[in-house]
Amino acid sequence: MPLHDAVLTTFFRAAQLGGQLFGDNVTDTTTLTEAQIVSMVENAVALGFDCIQTLYGHVNTTKLHHLIAHLGDELQERGNFWESDTTENERLHAS
């Protein structure tokens, strides 16, 4: 695929995953079905492996690894990627 098409594909896959994770048109933002989680994980893997690593080589950043390897677990265990709050975990970001 030409480079400009690969960049556009990467952008569109990132936008698609972002829409799934942070979309506004969601009736119940606290409940995700197994099918929704599986779809998000598939899109994260496609974005990470098929797009980013194809364009930039084998990059192993913490955020990319977390997205590809742990998105499904995070959604299943925490059940919520929709709200950003200042719970206990957010205190870890304090200086």
PDB file of N, CA and C in Angstrom:
ATOM      1  N   MET A   1       0.850  -1.164   0.000  1.00  0.00           N
ATOM      2  CA  MET A   1       0.000   0.000   0.000  1.00  0.00           C
ATOM      3  C   MET A   1       0.898   1.230   0.000  1.00  0.00           C
ATOM      4  N   PRO A   2       0.560   2.243  -0.756  1.00  0.00           N
ATOM      5  CA  PRO A   2       1.347   3.475  -0.739  1.00  0.00           C
ATOM      6  C   PRO A   2       1.371   4.093   0.660  1.00  0.00           C
ATOM      7  N   LEU A   3       2.433   4.805   0.938  1.00  0.00           N
ATOM      8  CA  LEU A   3       2.622   5.374   2.273  1.00  0.00           C
ATOM      9  C   LEU A   3       1.473   6.290   2.678  1.00  0.00           C
ATOM     10  N   HIS A   4       1.004   7.141   1.764  1.00  0.00           N
ATOM     11  CA  HIS A   4      -0.081   8.049   2.133  1.00  0.00           C
ATOM     12  C   HIS A   4      -1.366   7.292   2.476  1.00  0.00           C
ATOM     13  N   ASP A   5      -1.601   6.160   1.825  1.00  0.00           N
ATOM     14  CA  ASP A   5      -2.770   5.340   2.167  1.00  0.00           C
ATOM     15  C   ASP A   5      -2.587   4.675   3.528  1.00  0.00           C
ATOM     16  N   ALA A   6      -1.363   4.256   3.827  1.00  0.00           N
ATOM     17  CA  ALA A   6      -1.088   3.634   5.124  1.00  0.00           C
ATOM     18  C   ALA A   6      -1.288   4.624   6.264  1.00  0.00           C
ATOM     19  N   VAL A   7      -0.870   5.859   6.055  1.00  0.00           N
ATOM     20  CA  VAL A   7      -1.058   6.890   7.080  1.00  0.00           C
ATOM     21  C   VAL A   7      -2.548   7.175   7.279  1.00  0.00           C
ATOM     22  N   LEU A   8      -3.299   7.275   6.190  1.00  0.00           N
ATOM     23  CA  LEU A   8      -4.745   7.494   6.297  1.00  0.00           C
ATOM     24  C   LEU A   8      -5.430   6.325   6.998  1.00  0.00           C
ATOM     25  N   THR A   9      -5.036   5.111   6.670  1.00  0.00           N
ATOM     26  CA  THR A   9      -5.605   3.933   7.321  1.00  0.00           C
ATOM     27  C   THR A   9      -5.324   3.954   8.810  1.00  0.00           C
ATOM     28  N   THR A  10      -4.111   4.336   9.176  1.00  0.00           N
ATOM     29  CA  THR A  10      -3.753   4.432  10.599  1.00  0.00           C
ATOM     30  C   THR A  10      -4.622   5.474  11.289  1.00  0.00           C
ATOM     31  N   PHE A  11      -4.777   6.608  10.680  1.00  0.00           N
ATOM     32  CA  PHE A  11      -5.600   7.664  11.251  1.00  0.00           C
ATOM     33  C   PHE A  11      -7.044   7.203  11.421  1.00  0.00           C
ATOM     34  N   PHE A  12      -7.602   6.559  10.402  1.00  0.00           N
ATOM     35  CA  PHE A  12      -8.989   6.123  10.472  1.00  0.00           C
ATOM     36  C   PHE A  12      -9.188   5.039  11.528  1.00  0.00           C
ATOM     37  N   ARG A  13      -8.222   4.127  11.635  1.00  0.00           N
ATOM     38  CA  ARG A  13      -8.332   3.092  12.676  1.00  0.00           C
ATOM     39  C   ARG A  13      -8.234   3.706  14.072  1.00  0.00           C
ATOM     40  N   ALA A  14      -7.371   4.704  14.230  1.00  0.00           N
ATOM     41  CA  ALA A  14      -7.265   5.381  15.524  1.00  0.00           C
ATOM     42  C   ALA A  14      -8.563   6.113  15.845  1.00  0.00           C
ATOM     43  N   ALA A  15      -9.150   6.761  14.840  1.00  0.00           N
ATOM     44  CA  ALA A  15     -10.413   7.466  15.044  1.00  0.00           C
ATOM     45  C   ALA A  15     -11.541   6.488  15.372  1.00  0.00           C
ATOM     46  N   GLN A  16     -11.543   5.349  14.716  1.00  0.00           N
ATOM     47  CA  GLN A  16     -12.576   4.346  14.979  1.00  0.00           C
ATOM     48  C   GLN A  16     -12.471   3.832  16.412  1.00  0.00           C
ATOM     49  N   LEU A  17     -11.281   3.500  16.846  1.00  0.00           N
ATOM     50  CA  LEU A  17     -11.087   3.025  18.213  1.00  0.00           C
ATOM     51  C   LEU A  17     -11.413   4.124  19.216  1.00  0.00           C
ATOM     52  N   GLY A  18     -10.993   5.344  18.919  1.00  0.00           N
ATOM     53  CA  GLY A  18     -11.313   6.457  19.801  1.00  0.00           C
ATOM     54  C   GLY A  18     -12.806   6.669  19.928  1.00  0.00           C
ATOM     55  N   GLY A  19     -13.524   6.524  18.831  1.00  0.00           N
ATOM     56  CA  GLY A  19     -14.972   6.645  18.868  1.00  0.00           C
ATOM     57  C   GLY A  19     -15.615   5.564  19.720  1.00  0.00           C
ATOM     58  N   GLN A  20     -15.066   4.355  19.663  1.00  0.00           N
ATOM     59  CA  GLN A  20     -15.594   3.271  20.487  1.00  0.00           C
ATOM     60  C   GLN A  20     -15.320   3.527  21.968  1.00  0.00           C
ATOM     61  N   LEU A  21     -14.145   4.029  22.257  1.00  0.00           N
ATOM     62  CA  LEU A  21     -13.759   4.233  23.661  1.00  0.00           C
ATOM     63  C   LEU A  21     -14.389   5.471  24.265  1.00  0.00           C
ATOM     64  N   PHE A  22     -14.489   6.539  23.481  1.00  0.00           N
ATOM     65  CA  PHE A  22     -14.890   7.820  24.041  1.00  0.00           C
ATOM     66  C   PHE A  22     -16.072   8.446  23.317  1.00  0.00           C
ATOM     67  N   GLY A  23     -16.855   7.642  22.619  1.00  0.00           N
ATOM     68  CA  GLY A  23     -17.969   8.170  21.834  1.00  0.00           C
ATOM     69  C   GLY A  23     -19.044   8.811  22.680  1.00  0.00           C
ATOM     70  N   ASP A  24     -19.697   9.797  22.138  1.00  0.00           N
ATOM     71  CA  ASP A  24     -20.757  10.512  22.840  1.00  0.00           C
ATOM     72  C   ASP A  24     -22.110   9.833  22.697  1.00  0.00           C
ATOM     73  N   ASN A  25     -22.310   9.107  21.630  1.00  0.00           N
ATOM     74  CA  ASN A  25     -23.631   8.549  21.353  1.00  0.00           C
ATOM     75  C   ASN A  25     -23.776   7.149  21.940  1.00  0.00           C
ATOM     76  N   VAL A  26     -23.611   7.066  23.244  1.00  0.00           N
ATOM     77  CA  VAL A  26     -23.696   5.790  23.939  1.00  0.00           C
ATOM     78  C   VAL A  26     -24.826   5.897  24.950  1.00  0.00           C
ATOM     79  N   THR A  27     -25.760   4.949  24.910  1.00  0.00           N
ATOM     80  CA  THR A  27     -26.907   5.034  25.802  1.00  0.00           C
ATOM     81  C   THR A  27     -26.537   4.735  27.246  1.00  0.00           C
ATOM     82  N   ASP A  28     -25.667   3.762  27.462  1.00  0.00           N
ATOM     83  CA  ASP A  28     -25.277   3.407  28.821  1.00  0.00           C
ATOM     84  C   ASP A  28     -23.763   3.354  28.884  1.00  0.00           C
ATOM     85  N   THR A  29     -23.159   4.370  29.443  1.00  0.00           N
ATOM     86  CA  THR A  29     -21.693   4.474  29.427  1.00  0.00           C
ATOM     87  C   THR A  29     -21.025   3.637  30.500  1.00  0.00           C
ATOM     88  N   THR A  30     -21.786   2.954  31.327  1.00  0.00           N
ATOM     89  CA  THR A  30     -21.160   2.157  32.368  1.00  0.00           C
ATOM     90  C   THR A  30     -21.226   0.670  32.089  1.00  0.00           C
ATOM     91  N   THR A  31     -21.894   0.265  31.024  1.00  0.00           N
ATOM     92  CA  THR A  31     -22.014  -1.149  30.713  1.00  0.00           C
ATOM     93  C   THR A  31     -21.526  -1.403  29.295  1.00  0.00           C
ATOM     94  N   LEU A  32     -20.590  -2.302  29.180  1.00  0.00           N
ATOM     95  CA  LEU A  32     -20.107  -2.715  27.868  1.00  0.00           C
ATOM     96  C   LEU A  32     -20.394  -4.198  27.703  1.00  0.00           C
ATOM     97  N   THR A  33     -20.826  -4.578  26.529  1.00  0.00           N
ATOM     98  CA  THR A  33     -21.048  -5.994  26.268  1.00  0.00           C
ATOM     99  C   THR A  33     -19.724  -6.649  25.910  1.00  0.00           C
ATOM    100  N   GLU A  34     -19.697  -7.958  25.995  1.00  0.00           N
ATOM    101  CA  GLU A  34     -18.510  -8.717  25.611  1.00  0.00           C
ATOM    102  C   GLU A  34     -18.179  -8.457  24.144  1.00  0.00           C
ATOM    103  N   ALA A  35     -19.194  -8.380  23.307  1.00  0.00           N
ATOM    104  CA  ALA A  35     -18.972  -8.131  21.876  1.00  0.00           C
ATOM    105  C   ALA A  35     -18.332  -6.767  21.643  1.00  0.00           C
ATOM    106  N   GLN A  36     -18.756  -5.747  22.399  1.00  0.00           N
ATOM    107  CA  GLN A  36     -18.152  -4.423  22.261  1.00  0.00           C
ATOM    108  C   GLN A  36     -16.682  -4.448  22.678  1.00  0.00           C
ATOM    109  N   ILE A  37     -16.390  -5.132  23.767  1.00  0.00           N
ATOM    110  CA  ILE A  37     -15.005  -5.219  24.239  1.00  0.00           C
ATOM    111  C   ILE A  37     -14.151  -5.959  23.228  1.00  0.00           C
ATOM    112  N   VAL A  38     -14.653  -7.063  22.696  1.00  0.00           N
ATOM    113  CA  VAL A  38     -13.902  -7.836  21.698  1.00  0.00           C
ATOM    114  C   VAL A  38     -13.635  -6.982  20.466  1.00  0.00           C
ATOM    115  N   SER A  39     -14.622  -6.220  20.032  1.00  0.00           N
ATOM    116  CA  SER A  39     -14.449  -5.345  18.874  1.00  0.00           C
ATOM    117  C   SER A  39     -13.371  -4.294  19.138  1.00  0.00           C
ATOM    118  N   MET A  40     -13.382  -3.701  20.327  1.00  0.00           N
ATOM    119  CA  MET A  40     -12.367  -2.703  20.676  1.00  0.00           C
ATOM    120  C   MET A  40     -10.976  -3.313  20.715  1.00  0.00           C
ATOM    121  N   VAL A  41     -10.867  -4.502  21.279  1.00  0.00           N
ATOM    122  CA  VAL A  41      -9.567  -5.178  21.339  1.00  0.00           C
ATOM    123  C   VAL A  41      -9.067  -5.487  19.931  1.00  0.00           C
ATOM    124  N   GLU A  42      -9.947  -5.986  19.073  1.00  0.00           N
ATOM    125  CA  GLU A  42      -9.558  -6.271  17.685  1.00  0.00           C
ATOM    126  C   GLU A  42      -9.080  -5.004  16.983  1.00  0.00           C
ATOM    127  N   ASN A  43      -9.776  -3.895  17.194  1.00  0.00           N
ATOM    128  CA  ASN A  43      -9.376  -2.628  16.580  1.00  0.00           C
ATOM    129  C   ASN A  43      -8.064  -2.110  17.165  1.00  0.00           C
ATOM    130  N   ALA A  44      -7.841  -2.314  18.452  1.00  0.00           N
ATOM    131  CA  ALA A  44      -6.581  -1.893  19.075  1.00  0.00           C
ATOM    132  C   ALA A  44      -5.415  -2.701  18.531  1.00  0.00           C
ATOM    133  N   VAL A  45      -5.600  -3.998  18.368  1.00  0.00           N
ATOM    134  CA  VAL A  45      -4.543  -4.852  17.819  1.00  0.00           C
ATOM    135  C   VAL A  45      -4.257  -4.470  16.370  1.00  0.00           C
ATOM    136  N   ALA A  46      -5.308  -4.238  15.593  1.00  0.00           N
ATOM    137  CA  ALA A  46      -5.118  -3.835  14.199  1.00  0.00           C
ATOM    138  C   ALA A  46      -4.382  -2.502  14.119  1.00  0.00           C
ATOM    139  N   LEU A  47      -4.763  -1.563  14.981  1.00  0.00           N
ATOM    140  CA  LEU A  47      -4.085  -0.272  14.985  1.00  0.00           C
ATOM    141  C   LEU A  47      -2.619  -0.427  15.372  1.00  0.00           C
ATOM    142  N   GLY A  48      -2.355  -1.171  16.433  1.00  0.00           N
ATOM    143  CA  GLY A  48      -0.989  -1.306  16.934  1.00  0.00           C
ATOM    144  C   GLY A  48      -0.080  -2.103  16.026  1.00  0.00           C
ATOM    145  N   PHE A  49      -0.533  -3.289  15.645  1.00  0.00           N
ATOM    146  CA  PHE A  49       0.321  -4.164  14.838  1.00  0.00           C
ATOM    147  C   PHE A  49       0.288  -3.820  13.358  1.00  0.00           C
ATOM    148  N   ASP A  50      -0.918  -3.763  12.805  1.00  0.00           N
ATOM    149  CA  ASP A  50      -1.047  -3.588  11.358  1.00  0.00           C
ATOM    150  C   ASP A  50      -0.637  -2.201  10.895  1.00  0.00           C
ATOM    151  N   CYS A  51      -0.884  -1.209  11.732  1.00  0.00           N
ATOM    152  CA  CYS A  51      -0.636   0.163  11.302  1.00  0.00           C
ATOM    153  C   CYS A  51       0.643   0.743  11.899  1.00  0.00           C
ATOM    154  N   ILE A  52       0.656   0.936  13.192  1.00  0.00           N
ATOM    155  CA  ILE A  52       1.781   1.649  13.810  1.00  0.00           C
ATOM    156  C   ILE A  52       3.095   0.902  13.643  1.00  0.00           C
ATOM    157  N   GLN A  53       3.092  -0.413  13.926  1.00  0.00           N
ATOM    158  CA  GLN A  53       4.351  -1.138  13.798  1.00  0.00           C
ATOM    159  C   GLN A  53       4.745  -1.358  12.345  1.00  0.00           C
ATOM    160  N   THR A  54       3.800  -1.370  11.449  1.00  0.00           N
ATOM    161  CA  THR A  54       4.135  -1.463  10.029  1.00  0.00           C
ATOM    162  C   THR A  54       4.769  -0.167   9.549  1.00  0.00           C
ATOM    163  N   LEU A  55       4.238   0.957   9.992  1.00  0.00           N
ATOM    164  CA  LEU A  55       4.779   2.251   9.572  1.00  0.00           C
ATOM    165  C   LEU A  55       6.099   2.580  10.246  1.00  0.00           C
ATOM    166  N   TYR A  56       6.207   2.274  11.536  1.00  0.00           N
ATOM    167  CA  TYR A  56       7.364   2.745  12.312  1.00  0.00           C
ATOM    168  C   TYR A  56       8.319   1.648  12.738  1.00  0.00           C
ATOM    169  N   GLY A  57       8.061   0.422  12.341  1.00  0.00           N
ATOM    170  CA  GLY A  57       8.898  -0.678  12.783  1.00  0.00           C
ATOM    171  C   GLY A  57       8.434  -1.165  14.147  1.00  0.00           C
ATOM    172  N   HIS A  58       9.201  -2.071  14.715  1.00  0.00           N
ATOM    173  CA  HIS A  58       8.807  -2.652  15.998  1.00  0.00           C
ATOM    174  C   HIS A  58       9.046  -1.638  17.103  1.00  0.00           C
ATOM    175  N   VAL A  59       8.008  -0.902  17.421  1.00  0.00           N
ATOM    176  CA  VAL A  59       8.078   0.056  18.520  1.00  0.00           C
ATOM    177  C   VAL A  59       7.429  -0.589  19.725  1.00  0.00           C
ATOM    178  N   ASN A  60       8.053  -0.443  20.855  1.00  0.00           N
ATOM    179  CA  ASN A  60       7.529  -1.058  22.062  1.00  0.00           C
ATOM    180  C   ASN A  60       7.416   0.003  23.145  1.00  0.00           C
ATOM    181  N   THR A  61       6.477   0.898  22.960  1.00  0.00           N
ATOM    182  CA  THR A  61       6.251   1.905  23.980  1.00  0.00           C
ATOM    183  C   THR A  61       5.276   1.349  25.003  1.00  0.00           C
ATOM    184  N   THR A  62       5.330   1.892  26.183  1.00  0.00           N
ATOM    185  CA  THR A  62       4.443   1.440  27.254  1.00  0.00           C
ATOM    186  C   THR A  62       2.983   1.640  26.883  1.00  0.00           C
ATOM    187  N   LYS A  63       2.664   2.786  26.300  1.00  0.00           N
ATOM    188  CA  LYS A  63       1.262   3.068  25.962  1.00  0.00           C
ATOM    189  C   LYS A  63       0.749   2.159  24.852  1.00  0.00           C
ATOM    190  N   LEU A  64       1.569   1.892  23.855  1.00  0.00           N
ATOM    191  CA  LEU A  64       1.145   0.996  22.782  1.00  0.00           C
ATOM    192  C   LEU A  64       0.968  -0.418  23.326  1.00  0.00           C
ATOM    193  N   HIS A  65       1.894  -0.873  24.140  1.00  0.00           N
ATOM    194  CA  HIS A  65       1.773  -2.195  24.746  1.00  0.00           C
ATOM    195  C   HIS A  65       0.496  -2.276  25.594  1.00  0.00           C
ATOM    196  N   HIS A  66       0.262  -1.251  26.389  1.00  0.00           N
ATOM    197  CA  HIS A  66      -0.919  -1.241  27.249  1.00  0.00           C
ATOM    198  C   HIS A  66      -2.198  -1.299  26.418  1.00  0.00           C
ATOM    199  N   LEU A  67      -2.238  -0.555  25.337  1.00  0.00           N
ATOM    200  CA  LEU A  67      -3.407  -0.539  24.468  1.00  0.00           C
ATOM    201  C   LEU A  67      -3.638  -1.907  23.838  1.00  0.00           C
ATOM    202  N   ILE A  68      -2.591  -2.504  23.298  1.00  0.00           N
ATOM    203  CA  ILE A  68      -2.738  -3.758  22.583  1.00  0.00           C
ATOM    204  C   ILE A  68      -2.985  -4.924  23.546  1.00  0.00           C
ATOM    205  N   ALA A  69      -2.201  -4.997  24.605  1.00  0.00           N
ATOM    206  CA  ALA A  69      -2.217  -6.183  25.457  1.00  0.00           C
ATOM    207  C   ALA A  69      -3.213  -6.130  26.611  1.00  0.00           C
ATOM    208  N   HIS A  70      -3.597  -4.952  27.046  1.00  0.00           N
ATOM    209  CA  HIS A  70      -4.379  -4.874  28.278  1.00  0.00           C
ATOM    210  C   HIS A  70      -5.717  -4.165  28.155  1.00  0.00           C
ATOM    211  N   LEU A  71      -6.083  -3.692  26.983  1.00  0.00           N
ATOM    212  CA  LEU A  71      -7.338  -2.965  26.837  1.00  0.00           C
ATOM    213  C   LEU A  71      -8.527  -3.815  27.263  1.00  0.00           C
ATOM    214  N   GLY A  72      -8.605  -5.038  26.770  1.00  0.00           N
ATOM    215  CA  GLY A  72      -9.727  -5.912  27.108  1.00  0.00           C
ATOM    216  C   GLY A  72      -9.823  -6.186  28.595  1.00  0.00           C
ATOM    217  N   ASP A  73      -8.678  -6.456  29.221  1.00  0.00           N
ATOM    218  CA  ASP A  73      -8.667  -6.709  30.665  1.00  0.00           C
ATOM    219  C   ASP A  73      -9.128  -5.490  31.442  1.00  0.00           C
ATOM    220  N   GLU A  74      -8.632  -4.326  31.033  1.00  0.00           N
ATOM    221  CA  GLU A  74      -9.032  -3.097  31.724  1.00  0.00           C
ATOM    222  C   GLU A  74     -10.537  -2.868  31.624  1.00  0.00           C
ATOM    223  N   LEU A  75     -11.082  -3.078  30.443  1.00  0.00           N
ATOM    224  CA  LEU A  75     -12.512  -2.865  30.263  1.00  0.00           C
ATOM    225  C   LEU A  75     -13.335  -3.894  31.038  1.00  0.00           C
ATOM    226  N   GLN A  76     -12.863  -5.144  31.067  1.00  0.00           N
ATOM    227  CA  GLN A  76     -13.612  -6.173  31.781  1.00  0.00           C
ATOM    228  C   GLN A  76     -13.484  -6.025  33.294  1.00  0.00           C
ATOM    229  N   GLU A  77     -12.302  -5.684  33.770  1.00  0.00           N
ATOM    230  CA  GLU A  77     -12.094  -5.603  35.208  1.00  0.00           C
ATOM    231  C   GLU A  77     -12.639  -4.306  35.797  1.00  0.00           C
ATOM    232  N   ARG A  78     -12.374  -3.193  35.134  1.00  0.00           N
ATOM    233  CA  ARG A  78     -12.839  -1.909  35.650  1.00  0.00           C
ATOM    234  C   ARG A  78     -14.223  -1.578  35.138  1.00  0.00           C
ATOM    235  N   GLY A  79     -14.539  -2.104  33.962  1.00  0.00           N
ATOM    236  CA  GLY A  79     -15.850  -1.888  33.382  1.00  0.00           C
ATOM    237  C   GLY A  79     -16.105  -0.475  32.920  1.00  0.00           C
ATOM    238  N   ASN A  80     -15.060   0.331  32.850  1.00  0.00           N
ATOM    239  CA  ASN A  80     -15.310   1.733  32.551  1.00  0.00           C
ATOM    240  C   ASN A  80     -14.064   2.364  31.952  1.00  0.00           C
ATOM    241  N   PHE A  81     -14.192   2.809  30.744  1.00  0.00           N
ATOM    242  CA  PHE A  81     -13.153   3.608  30.115  1.00  0.00           C
ATOM    243  C   PHE A  81     -13.743   4.955  29.741  1.00  0.00           C
ATOM    244  N   TRP A  82     -14.978   5.170  30.139  1.00  0.00           N
ATOM    245  CA  TRP A  82     -15.732   6.330  29.691  1.00  0.00           C
ATOM    246  C   TRP A  82     -15.481   7.561  30.527  1.00  0.00           C
ATOM    247  N   GLU A  83     -15.293   7.400  31.811  1.00  0.00           N
ATOM    248  CA  GLU A  83     -15.168   8.551  32.687  1.00  0.00           C
ATOM    249  C   GLU A  83     -13.730   8.721  33.134  1.00  0.00           C
ATOM    250  N   SER A  84     -13.268   9.925  33.140  1.00  0.00           N
ATOM    251  CA  SER A  84     -11.976  10.243  33.733  1.00  0.00           C
ATOM    252  C   SER A  84     -12.275  10.878  35.065  1.00  0.00           C
ATOM    253  N   ASP A  85     -11.800  10.267  36.110  1.00  0.00           N
ATOM    254  CA  ASP A  85     -12.119  10.796  37.423  1.00  0.00           C
ATOM    255  C   ASP A  85     -10.848  10.940  38.257  1.00  0.00           C
ATOM    256  N   THR A  86     -11.011  11.379  39.457  1.00  0.00           N
ATOM    257  CA  THR A  86      -9.864  11.595  40.341  1.00  0.00           C
ATOM    258  C   THR A  86      -9.915  10.616  41.510  1.00  0.00           C
ATOM    259  N   THR A  87     -10.069   9.352  41.185  1.00  0.00           N
ATOM    260  CA  THR A  87     -10.087   8.319  42.209  1.00  0.00           C
ATOM    261  C   THR A  87      -8.676   8.048  42.706  1.00  0.00           C
ATOM    262  N   GLU A  88      -8.547   7.032  43.511  1.00  0.00           N
ATOM    263  CA  GLU A  88      -7.255   6.674  44.109  1.00  0.00           C
ATOM    264  C   GLU A  88      -6.148   6.532  43.060  1.00  0.00           C
ATOM    265  N   ASN A  89      -6.435   5.871  41.951  1.00  0.00           N
ATOM    266  CA  ASN A  89      -5.404   5.665  40.941  1.00  0.00           C
ATOM    267  C   ASN A  89      -4.890   6.966  40.356  1.00  0.00           C
ATOM    268  N   GLU A  90      -5.718   7.973  40.263  1.00  0.00           N
ATOM    269  CA  GLU A  90      -5.299   9.252  39.710  1.00  0.00           C
ATOM    270  C   GLU A  90      -4.333   9.988  40.639  1.00  0.00           C
ATOM    271  N   ARG A  91      -4.354   9.666  41.904  1.00  0.00           N
ATOM    272  CA  ARG A  91      -3.417  10.299  42.837  1.00  0.00           C
ATOM    273  C   ARG A  91      -1.963   9.942  42.522  1.00  0.00           C
ATOM    274  N   LEU A  92      -1.769   8.845  41.826  1.00  0.00           N
ATOM    275  CA  LEU A  92      -0.416   8.435  41.458  1.00  0.00           C
ATOM    276  C   LEU A  92       0.233   9.432  40.519  1.00  0.00           C
ATOM    277  N   HIS A  93      -0.558  10.236  39.822  1.00  0.00           N
ATOM    278  CA  HIS A  93      -0.023  11.225  38.889  1.00  0.00           C
ATOM    279  C   HIS A  93       0.427  12.517  39.559  1.00  0.00           C
ATOM    280  N   ALA A  94       0.136  12.643  40.835  1.00  0.00           N
ATOM    281  CA  ALA A  94       0.503  13.875  41.554  1.00  0.00           C
ATOM    282  C   ALA A  94       2.025  13.980  41.666  1.00  0.00           C
ATOM    283  N   SER A  95       2.499  15.210  41.758  1.00  0.00           N
ATOM    284  CA  SER A  95       3.951  15.397  41.856  1.00  0.00           C
ATOM    285  C   SER A  95       4.425  15.089  43.270  1.00  0.00           C
TER     286      SER A  95
END
